[in-house]
């Protein structure tokens, strides 16, 4: 983020939606829609739009030879709004991974509420999912939460997570889930045990079981960072 301004990009091949999004966000404080494109590739090679704040007037400088033009590179974006299904036939999961690899966090937007697609998008690294029928305050809240490092939740996402029974998402017992969520939030193992009213030895037992279940599901999980990723990817939010 630039100061307190959240710099946003949008990838959608619906021009009317992009135009509407520009109008929606034009007067929202601290959110700047800097770049839009119909594909992820075009967004990552586009130049960002200038900020809305006008530059102060100044005396023109003497004429000089212009510097050689440099190719456009990925704009500096905090969050990208990504349409789930683009007409170029690109894979939603690949699009999410490309954007995350370039730096910005990703909020998937779609008319589709299919729970399988939602779960796959989150597993690929998306930071939230909204259907396109949500209002502007909901969108602004989602952008703000994601830019701050959180996850944007909505009823469709909660439903998808609650009914996700794919093998890659291990079935955790209530106590395993509690230990995972508390420990991954940043607590030490002792603090986690104290909060849950169990011994550190017991907390470690549950944590080892969680790691083993993820190993068996083909998703090796070794570090606290890995565990925090699993909490986000699989929706192990506190009840």
C-alpha atoms as a PDB file:
ATOM      1  CA  UNK A   1       0.000   0.000   0.000  1.00  0.00           C
ATOM      2  CA  UNK A   2       1.112   3.546  -0.704  1.00  0.00           C
ATOM      3  CA  UNK A   3       0.671   5.223   2.680  1.00  0.00           C
ATOM      4  CA  UNK A   4      -2.923   4.366   3.499  1.00  0.00           C
ATOM      5  CA  UNK A   5      -4.059   4.044  -0.125  1.00  0.00           C
ATOM      6  CA  UNK A   6      -4.919   0.566  -1.410  1.00  0.00           C
ATOM      7  CA  UNK A   7      -3.846   0.220  -5.034  1.00  0.00           C
ATOM      8  CA  UNK A   8      -6.198  -2.074  -6.921  1.00  0.00           C
ATOM      9  CA  UNK A   9      -6.135  -3.804 -10.297  1.00  0.00           C
ATOM     10  CA  UNK A  10      -8.967  -5.609 -12.060  1.00  0.00           C
ATOM     11  CA  UNK A  11      -8.986  -8.436 -14.608  1.00  0.00           C
ATOM     12  CA  UNK A  12     -12.300  -8.936 -16.359  1.00  0.00           C
ATOM     13  CA  UNK A  13     -13.288  -9.191 -20.017  1.00  0.00           C
ATOM     14  CA  UNK A  14     -16.630  -7.474 -19.396  1.00  0.00           C
ATOM     15  CA  UNK A  15     -15.987  -3.842 -20.396  1.00  0.00           C
ATOM     16  CA  UNK A  16     -19.261  -2.670 -18.888  1.00  0.00           C
ATOM     17  CA  UNK A  17     -18.272  -4.170 -15.550  1.00  0.00           C
ATOM     18  CA  UNK A  18     -14.847  -2.495 -15.647  1.00  0.00           C
ATOM     19  CA  UNK A  19     -16.432   0.863 -16.507  1.00  0.00           C
ATOM     20  CA  UNK A  20     -18.898   0.424 -13.684  1.00  0.00           C
ATOM     21  CA  UNK A  21     -16.103  -0.525 -11.311  1.00  0.00           C
ATOM     22  CA  UNK A  22     -14.217   2.668 -12.170  1.00  0.00           C
ATOM     23  CA  UNK A  23     -17.309   4.729 -11.385  1.00  0.00           C
ATOM     24  CA  UNK A  24     -17.950   2.788  -8.179  1.00  0.00           C
ATOM     25  CA  UNK A  25     -14.440   3.260  -6.819  1.00  0.00           C
ATOM     26  CA  UNK A  26     -13.784   6.779  -8.156  1.00  0.00           C
ATOM     27  CA  UNK A  27     -14.974   8.495  -4.987  1.00  0.00           C
ATOM     28  CA  UNK A  28     -13.994   5.852  -2.430  1.00  0.00           C
ATOM     29  CA  UNK A  29     -11.328   7.275  -0.104  1.00  0.00           C
ATOM     30  CA  UNK A  30      -8.010   5.426   0.131  1.00  0.00           C
ATOM     31  CA  UNK A  31      -8.783   3.009  -2.728  1.00  0.00           C
ATOM     32  CA  UNK A  32      -7.258   3.667  -6.155  1.00  0.00           C
ATOM     33  CA  UNK A  33      -8.128   1.563  -9.204  1.00  0.00           C
ATOM     34  CA  UNK A  34      -4.763   1.743 -10.947  1.00  0.00           C
ATOM     35  CA  UNK A  35      -5.020  -0.763 -13.793  1.00  0.00           C
ATOM     36  CA  UNK A  36      -7.581  -2.888 -15.610  1.00  0.00           C
ATOM     37  CA  UNK A  37      -7.213  -5.526 -18.311  1.00  0.00           C
ATOM     38  CA  UNK A  38      -9.184  -8.346 -19.958  1.00  0.00           C
ATOM     39  CA  UNK A  39      -6.501 -10.950 -19.190  1.00  0.00           C
ATOM     40  CA  UNK A  40      -3.929 -11.586 -16.486  1.00  0.00           C
ATOM     41  CA  UNK A  41      -1.086 -11.356 -18.990  1.00  0.00           C
ATOM     42  CA  UNK A  42      -2.179  -7.901 -20.133  1.00  0.00           C
ATOM     43  CA  UNK A  43      -2.534  -6.666 -16.573  1.00  0.00           C
ATOM     44  CA  UNK A  44       0.965  -7.828 -15.661  1.00  0.00           C
ATOM     45  CA  UNK A  45       2.481  -5.926 -18.580  1.00  0.00           C
ATOM     46  CA  UNK A  46       0.364  -2.781 -18.299  1.00  0.00           C
ATOM     47  CA  UNK A  47       1.435   0.576 -16.940  1.00  0.00           C
ATOM     48  CA  UNK A  48      -0.542   1.725 -13.890  1.00  0.00           C
ATOM     49  CA  UNK A  49      -2.994   4.577 -14.235  1.00  0.00           C
ATOM     50  CA  UNK A  50      -1.955   7.796 -12.511  1.00  0.00           C
ATOM     51  CA  UNK A  51      -3.309   8.492  -9.041  1.00  0.00           C
ATOM     52  CA  UNK A  52      -6.255  10.853  -8.730  1.00  0.00           C
ATOM     53  CA  UNK A  53      -4.379  13.529  -6.766  1.00  0.00           C
ATOM     54  CA  UNK A  54      -3.302  16.281  -9.216  1.00  0.00           C
ATOM     55  CA  UNK A  55       0.329  17.334  -9.246  1.00  0.00           C
ATOM     56  CA  UNK A  56       1.110  20.859  -8.006  1.00  0.00           C
ATOM     57  CA  UNK A  57       1.763  23.505 -10.658  1.00  0.00           C
ATOM     58  CA  UNK A  58       5.399  24.321 -11.328  1.00  0.00           C
ATOM     59  CA  UNK A  59       7.559  26.303 -13.726  1.00  0.00           C
ATOM     60  CA  UNK A  60       8.257  24.311 -16.906  1.00  0.00           C
ATOM     61  CA  UNK A  61      11.799  22.939 -17.069  1.00  0.00           C
ATOM     62  CA  UNK A  62      14.053  23.750 -20.043  1.00  0.00           C
ATOM     63  CA  UNK A  63      13.642  21.407 -23.000  1.00  0.00           C
ATOM     64  CA  UNK A  64      15.964  18.420 -22.996  1.00  0.00           C
ATOM     65  CA  UNK A  65      16.485  15.206 -24.859  1.00  0.00           C
ATOM     66  CA  UNK A  66      13.964  12.616 -23.614  1.00  0.00           C
ATOM     67  CA  UNK A  67      15.271   9.481 -21.986  1.00  0.00           C
ATOM     68  CA  UNK A  68      14.861   6.226 -23.923  1.00  0.00           C
ATOM     69  CA  UNK A  69      11.471   4.607 -23.416  1.00  0.00           C
ATOM     70  CA  UNK A  70      11.406   1.622 -21.103  1.00  0.00           C
ATOM     71  CA  UNK A  71       9.013  -1.280 -21.548  1.00  0.00           C
ATOM     72  CA  UNK A  72       5.968  -1.401 -19.336  1.00  0.00           C
ATOM     73  CA  UNK A  73       6.212  -3.726 -16.380  1.00  0.00           C
ATOM     74  CA  UNK A  74       3.793  -5.085 -13.817  1.00  0.00           C
ATOM     75  CA  UNK A  75       2.053  -2.266 -11.972  1.00  0.00           C
ATOM     76  CA  UNK A  76       2.537  -2.071  -8.199  1.00  0.00           C
ATOM     77  CA  UNK A  77      -0.783  -3.377  -6.955  1.00  0.00           C
ATOM     78  CA  UNK A  78      -1.931  -4.379  -3.499  1.00  0.00           C
ATOM     79  CA  UNK A  79      -5.009  -6.359  -4.534  1.00  0.00           C
ATOM     80  CA  UNK A  80      -6.277  -7.625  -7.884  1.00  0.00           C
ATOM     81  CA  UNK A  81      -9.958  -8.279  -8.548  1.00  0.00           C
ATOM     82  CA  UNK A  82      -9.972 -11.359 -10.775  1.00  0.00           C
ATOM     83  CA  UNK A  83     -12.965 -12.671 -12.709  1.00  0.00           C
ATOM     84  CA  UNK A  84     -13.041 -16.423 -12.204  1.00  0.00           C
ATOM     85  CA  UNK A  85     -13.920 -17.452 -15.771  1.00  0.00           C
ATOM     86  CA  UNK A  86     -12.308 -15.421 -18.552  1.00  0.00           C
ATOM     87  CA  UNK A  87     -13.138 -15.834 -22.233  1.00  0.00           C
ATOM     88  CA  UNK A  88      -9.491 -16.477 -23.132  1.00  0.00           C
ATOM     89  CA  UNK A  89      -9.917 -19.968 -21.670  1.00  0.00           C
ATOM     90  CA  UNK A  90      -7.180 -19.493 -19.087  1.00  0.00           C
ATOM     91  CA  UNK A  91      -7.159 -21.668 -15.995  1.00  0.00           C
ATOM     92  CA  UNK A  92      -8.515 -19.847 -12.909  1.00  0.00           C
ATOM     93  CA  UNK A  93      -5.954 -21.556 -10.677  1.00  0.00           C
ATOM     94  CA  UNK A  94      -3.087 -20.632 -13.020  1.00  0.00           C
ATOM     95  CA  UNK A  95      -4.316 -17.027 -13.138  1.00  0.00           C
ATOM     96  CA  UNK A  96      -4.362 -16.836  -9.358  1.00  0.00           C
ATOM     97  CA  UNK A  97      -0.881 -18.324  -9.048  1.00  0.00           C
ATOM     98  CA  UNK A  98       0.534 -15.943 -11.681  1.00  0.00           C
ATOM     99  CA  UNK A  99      -0.867 -12.920  -9.883  1.00  0.00           C
ATOM    100  CA  UNK A 100       0.325 -14.083  -6.470  1.00  0.00           C
ATOM    101  CA  UNK A 101       3.795 -14.756  -7.885  1.00  0.00           C
ATOM    102  CA  UNK A 102       3.868 -11.170  -9.180  1.00  0.00           C
ATOM    103  CA  UNK A 103       3.115  -9.783  -5.721  1.00  0.00           C
ATOM    104  CA  UNK A 104      -0.505  -8.671  -5.326  1.00  0.00           C
ATOM    105  CA  UNK A 105      -3.110 -10.472  -3.286  1.00  0.00           C
ATOM    106  CA  UNK A 106      -6.164 -11.749  -5.146  1.00  0.00           C
ATOM    107  CA  UNK A 107      -9.900 -11.307  -4.635  1.00  0.00           C
ATOM    108  CA  UNK A 108     -11.859 -13.552  -7.002  1.00  0.00           C
ATOM    109  CA  UNK A 109     -15.160 -12.159  -8.259  1.00  0.00           C
ATOM    110  CA  UNK A 110     -17.674 -14.158 -10.255  1.00  0.00           C
ATOM    111  CA  UNK A 111     -21.284 -14.772 -11.141  1.00  0.00           C
ATOM    112  CA  UNK A 112     -20.543 -18.437 -10.385  1.00  0.00           C
ATOM    113  CA  UNK A 113     -21.226 -19.779  -6.898  1.00  0.00           C
ATOM    114  CA  UNK A 114     -20.112 -23.339  -7.647  1.00  0.00           C
ATOM    115  CA  UNK A 115     -18.510 -24.621  -4.458  1.00  0.00           C
ATOM    116  CA  UNK A 116     -15.943 -26.773  -6.254  1.00  0.00           C
ATOM    117  CA  UNK A 117     -14.610 -23.778  -8.178  1.00  0.00           C
ATOM    118  CA  UNK A 118     -14.589 -21.651  -5.027  1.00  0.00           C
ATOM    119  CA  UNK A 119     -12.577 -24.223  -3.077  1.00  0.00           C
ATOM    120  CA  UNK A 120     -10.143 -24.650  -5.993  1.00  0.00           C
ATOM    121  CA  UNK A 121      -9.631 -20.884  -6.211  1.00  0.00           C
ATOM    122  CA  UNK A 122      -8.836 -20.617  -2.517  1.00  0.00           C
ATOM    123  CA  UNK A 123      -6.510 -23.613  -2.691  1.00  0.00           C
ATOM    124  CA  UNK A 124      -4.647 -21.910  -5.556  1.00  0.00           C
ATOM    125  CA  UNK A 125      -3.893 -18.928  -3.322  1.00  0.00           C
ATOM    126  CA  UNK A 126      -6.852 -16.548  -3.627  1.00  0.00           C
ATOM    127  CA  UNK A 127      -7.453 -14.370  -0.577  1.00  0.00           C
ATOM    128  CA  UNK A 128     -11.202 -14.146  -0.913  1.00  0.00           C
ATOM    129  CA  UNK A 129     -14.217 -14.802  -3.100  1.00  0.00           C
ATOM    130  CA  UNK A 130     -17.231 -12.605  -3.827  1.00  0.00           C
ATOM    131  CA  UNK A 131     -20.121 -13.087  -6.192  1.00  0.00           C
ATOM    132  CA  UNK A 132     -20.813 -10.064  -8.363  1.00  0.00           C
ATOM    133  CA  UNK A 133     -24.179  -9.318  -6.789  1.00  0.00           C
ATOM    134  CA  UNK A 134     -22.585  -7.835  -3.644  1.00  0.00           C
ATOM    135  CA  UNK A 135     -22.781  -4.105  -3.011  1.00  0.00           C
ATOM    136  CA  UNK A 136     -20.018  -1.481  -2.915  1.00  0.00           C
ATOM    137  CA  UNK A 137     -19.569  -1.449   0.900  1.00  0.00           C
ATOM    138  CA  UNK A 138     -19.035  -5.232   0.839  1.00  0.00           C
ATOM    139  CA  UNK A 139     -16.434  -4.887  -1.916  1.00  0.00           C
ATOM    140  CA  UNK A 140     -14.616  -2.083  -0.100  1.00  0.00           C
ATOM    141  CA  UNK A 141     -14.571  -4.106   3.125  1.00  0.00           C
ATOM    142  CA  UNK A 142     -13.190  -7.126   1.258  1.00  0.00           C
ATOM    143  CA  UNK A 143     -10.436  -5.065  -0.393  1.00  0.00           C
ATOM    144  CA  UNK A 144      -9.508  -3.490   2.938  1.00  0.00           C
ATOM    145  CA  UNK A 145      -9.390  -6.819   4.772  1.00  0.00           C
ATOM    146  CA  UNK A 146      -7.297  -8.489   2.071  1.00  0.00           C
ATOM    147  CA  UNK A 147      -4.860  -5.571   1.799  1.00  0.00           C
ATOM    148  CA  UNK A 148      -4.360  -5.851   5.568  1.00  0.00           C
ATOM    149  CA  UNK A 149      -3.436  -9.527   5.226  1.00  0.00           C
ATOM    150  CA  UNK A 150      -6.805 -11.064   5.958  1.00  0.00           C
ATOM    151  CA  UNK A 151      -9.329 -13.098   3.994  1.00  0.00           C
ATOM    152  CA  UNK A 152     -12.577 -11.868   2.474  1.00  0.00           C
ATOM    153  CA  UNK A 153     -15.412 -14.110   3.590  1.00  0.00           C
ATOM    154  CA  UNK A 154     -18.889 -14.342   2.113  1.00  0.00           C
ATOM    155  CA  UNK A 155     -21.787 -16.786   2.522  1.00  0.00           C
ATOM    156  CA  UNK A 156     -20.841 -18.620  -0.685  1.00  0.00           C
ATOM    157  CA  UNK A 157     -17.278 -19.150   0.531  1.00  0.00           C
ATOM    158  CA  UNK A 158     -18.398 -20.297   3.969  1.00  0.00           C
ATOM    159  CA  UNK A 159     -20.831 -22.786   2.387  1.00  0.00           C
ATOM    160  CA  UNK A 160     -18.137 -24.120   0.034  1.00  0.00           C
ATOM    161  CA  UNK A 161     -15.697 -24.656   2.873  1.00  0.00           C
ATOM    162  CA  UNK A 162     -18.315 -26.276   5.100  1.00  0.00           C
ATOM    163  CA  UNK A 163     -19.173 -28.816   2.390  1.00  0.00           C
ATOM    164  CA  UNK A 164     -15.667 -29.450   1.078  1.00  0.00           C
ATOM    165  CA  UNK A 165     -14.951 -33.162   1.359  1.00  0.00           C
ATOM    166  CA  UNK A 166     -12.134 -33.433  -1.187  1.00  0.00           C
ATOM    167  CA  UNK A 167      -9.216 -35.704  -0.203  1.00  0.00           C
ATOM    168  CA  UNK A 168      -6.809 -32.750  -0.220  1.00  0.00           C
ATOM    169  CA  UNK A 169      -8.662 -31.196   2.715  1.00  0.00           C
ATOM    170  CA  UNK A 170      -8.049 -33.516   5.658  1.00  0.00           C
ATOM    171  CA  UNK A 171     -10.761 -34.156   8.206  1.00  0.00           C
ATOM    172  CA  UNK A 172      -9.603 -32.598  11.477  1.00  0.00           C
ATOM    173  CA  UNK A 173     -11.120 -33.273  14.852  1.00  0.00           C
ATOM    174  CA  UNK A 174     -12.438 -30.242  16.757  1.00  0.00           C
ATOM    175  CA  UNK A 175      -9.390 -30.241  19.046  1.00  0.00           C
ATOM    176  CA  UNK A 176      -6.943 -30.610  16.143  1.00  0.00           C
ATOM    177  CA  UNK A 177      -8.628 -27.692  14.430  1.00  0.00           C
ATOM    178  CA  UNK A 178      -8.472 -25.552  17.580  1.00  0.00           C
ATOM    179  CA  UNK A 179      -4.773 -26.238  18.096  1.00  0.00           C
ATOM    180  CA  UNK A 180      -4.051 -25.539  14.424  1.00  0.00           C
ATOM    181  CA  UNK A 181      -5.912 -22.236  14.350  1.00  0.00           C
ATOM    182  CA  UNK A 182      -4.480 -20.939  17.641  1.00  0.00           C
ATOM    183  CA  UNK A 183      -0.899 -21.972  16.902  1.00  0.00           C
ATOM    184  CA  UNK A 184      -0.996 -20.708  13.301  1.00  0.00           C
ATOM    185  CA  UNK A 185      -2.302 -17.339  14.521  1.00  0.00           C
ATOM    186  CA  UNK A 186       1.112 -16.659  16.050  1.00  0.00           C
ATOM    187  CA  UNK A 187       0.852 -18.135  19.537  1.00  0.00           C
ATOM    188  CA  UNK A 188       3.618 -20.298  20.916  1.00  0.00           C
ATOM    189  CA  UNK A 189       2.848 -23.927  21.603  1.00  0.00           C
ATOM    190  CA  UNK A 190       2.745 -23.208  25.362  1.00  0.00           C
ATOM    191  CA  UNK A 191       0.380 -20.269  24.867  1.00  0.00           C
ATOM    192  CA  UNK A 192      -1.824 -22.393  22.614  1.00  0.00           C
ATOM    193  CA  UNK A 193      -1.980 -25.115  25.270  1.00  0.00           C
ATOM    194  CA  UNK A 194      -2.771 -22.583  27.980  1.00  0.00           C
ATOM    195  CA  UNK A 195      -5.582 -21.016  25.947  1.00  0.00           C
ATOM    196  CA  UNK A 196      -7.171 -24.418  25.259  1.00  0.00           C
ATOM    197  CA  UNK A 197      -6.687 -25.733  28.794  1.00  0.00           C
ATOM    198  CA  UNK A 198      -4.425 -28.629  27.818  1.00  0.00           C
ATOM    199  CA  UNK A 199      -0.767 -29.483  28.430  1.00  0.00           C
ATOM    200  CA  UNK A 200       1.962 -28.455  25.948  1.00  0.00           C
ATOM    201  CA  UNK A 201       2.637 -32.153  25.391  1.00  0.00           C
ATOM    202  CA  UNK A 202      -0.992 -32.719  24.397  1.00  0.00           C
ATOM    203  CA  UNK A 203      -0.983 -29.634  22.169  1.00  0.00           C
ATOM    204  CA  UNK A 204       2.105 -30.959  20.385  1.00  0.00           C
ATOM    205  CA  UNK A 205       0.397 -34.324  19.936  1.00  0.00           C
ATOM    206  CA  UNK A 206      -2.564 -32.675  18.193  1.00  0.00           C
ATOM    207  CA  UNK A 207      -0.289 -30.466  16.077  1.00  0.00           C
ATOM    208  CA  UNK A 208       1.738 -33.479  14.951  1.00  0.00           C
ATOM    209  CA  UNK A 209      -1.494 -35.232  13.989  1.00  0.00           C
ATOM    210  CA  UNK A 210      -2.501 -32.212  11.883  1.00  0.00           C
ATOM    211  CA  UNK A 211       0.859 -32.236  10.080  1.00  0.00           C
ATOM    212  CA  UNK A 212       0.599 -35.972   9.503  1.00  0.00           C
ATOM    213  CA  UNK A 213      -2.890 -35.651   8.026  1.00  0.00           C
ATOM    214  CA  UNK A 214      -1.715 -32.966   5.617  1.00  0.00           C
ATOM    215  CA  UNK A 215       1.266 -35.139   4.687  1.00  0.00           C
ATOM    216  CA  UNK A 216      -1.087 -38.012   3.883  1.00  0.00           C
ATOM    217  CA  UNK A 217      -3.260 -35.657   1.812  1.00  0.00           C
ATOM    218  CA  UNK A 218      -0.248 -34.800  -0.345  1.00  0.00           C
ATOM    219  CA  UNK A 219       0.208 -31.313   1.101  1.00  0.00           C
ATOM    220  CA  UNK A 220       3.377 -31.391   3.229  1.00  0.00           C
ATOM    221  CA  UNK A 221       3.143 -28.945   6.122  1.00  0.00           C
ATOM    222  CA  UNK A 222       6.281 -28.373   8.176  1.00  0.00           C
ATOM    223  CA  UNK A 223       6.531 -24.791   9.437  1.00  0.00           C
ATOM    224  CA  UNK A 224       4.238 -22.338  11.204  1.00  0.00           C
ATOM    225  CA  UNK A 225       4.038 -20.439   7.904  1.00  0.00           C
ATOM    226  CA  UNK A 226       2.825 -23.634   6.208  1.00  0.00           C
ATOM    227  CA  UNK A 227       0.217 -24.099   8.917  1.00  0.00           C
ATOM    228  CA  UNK A 228      -1.009 -20.518   8.539  1.00  0.00           C
ATOM    229  CA  UNK A 229      -1.337 -21.133   4.791  1.00  0.00           C
ATOM    230  CA  UNK A 230      -3.447 -24.238   5.426  1.00  0.00           C
ATOM    231  CA  UNK A 231      -5.747 -22.273   7.752  1.00  0.00           C
ATOM    232  CA  UNK A 232      -6.298 -19.718   4.992  1.00  0.00           C
ATOM    233  CA  UNK A 233      -6.559 -22.201   2.128  1.00  0.00           C
ATOM    234  CA  UNK A 234      -8.957 -24.575   3.874  1.00  0.00           C
ATOM    235  CA  UNK A 235     -11.053 -22.065   5.792  1.00  0.00           C
ATOM    236  CA  UNK A 236     -10.160 -23.303   9.273  1.00  0.00           C
ATOM    237  CA  UNK A 237     -11.457 -20.087  10.774  1.00  0.00           C
ATOM    238  CA  UNK A 238     -12.614 -20.041  14.398  1.00  0.00           C
ATOM    239  CA  UNK A 239     -16.284 -20.851  14.896  1.00  0.00           C
END
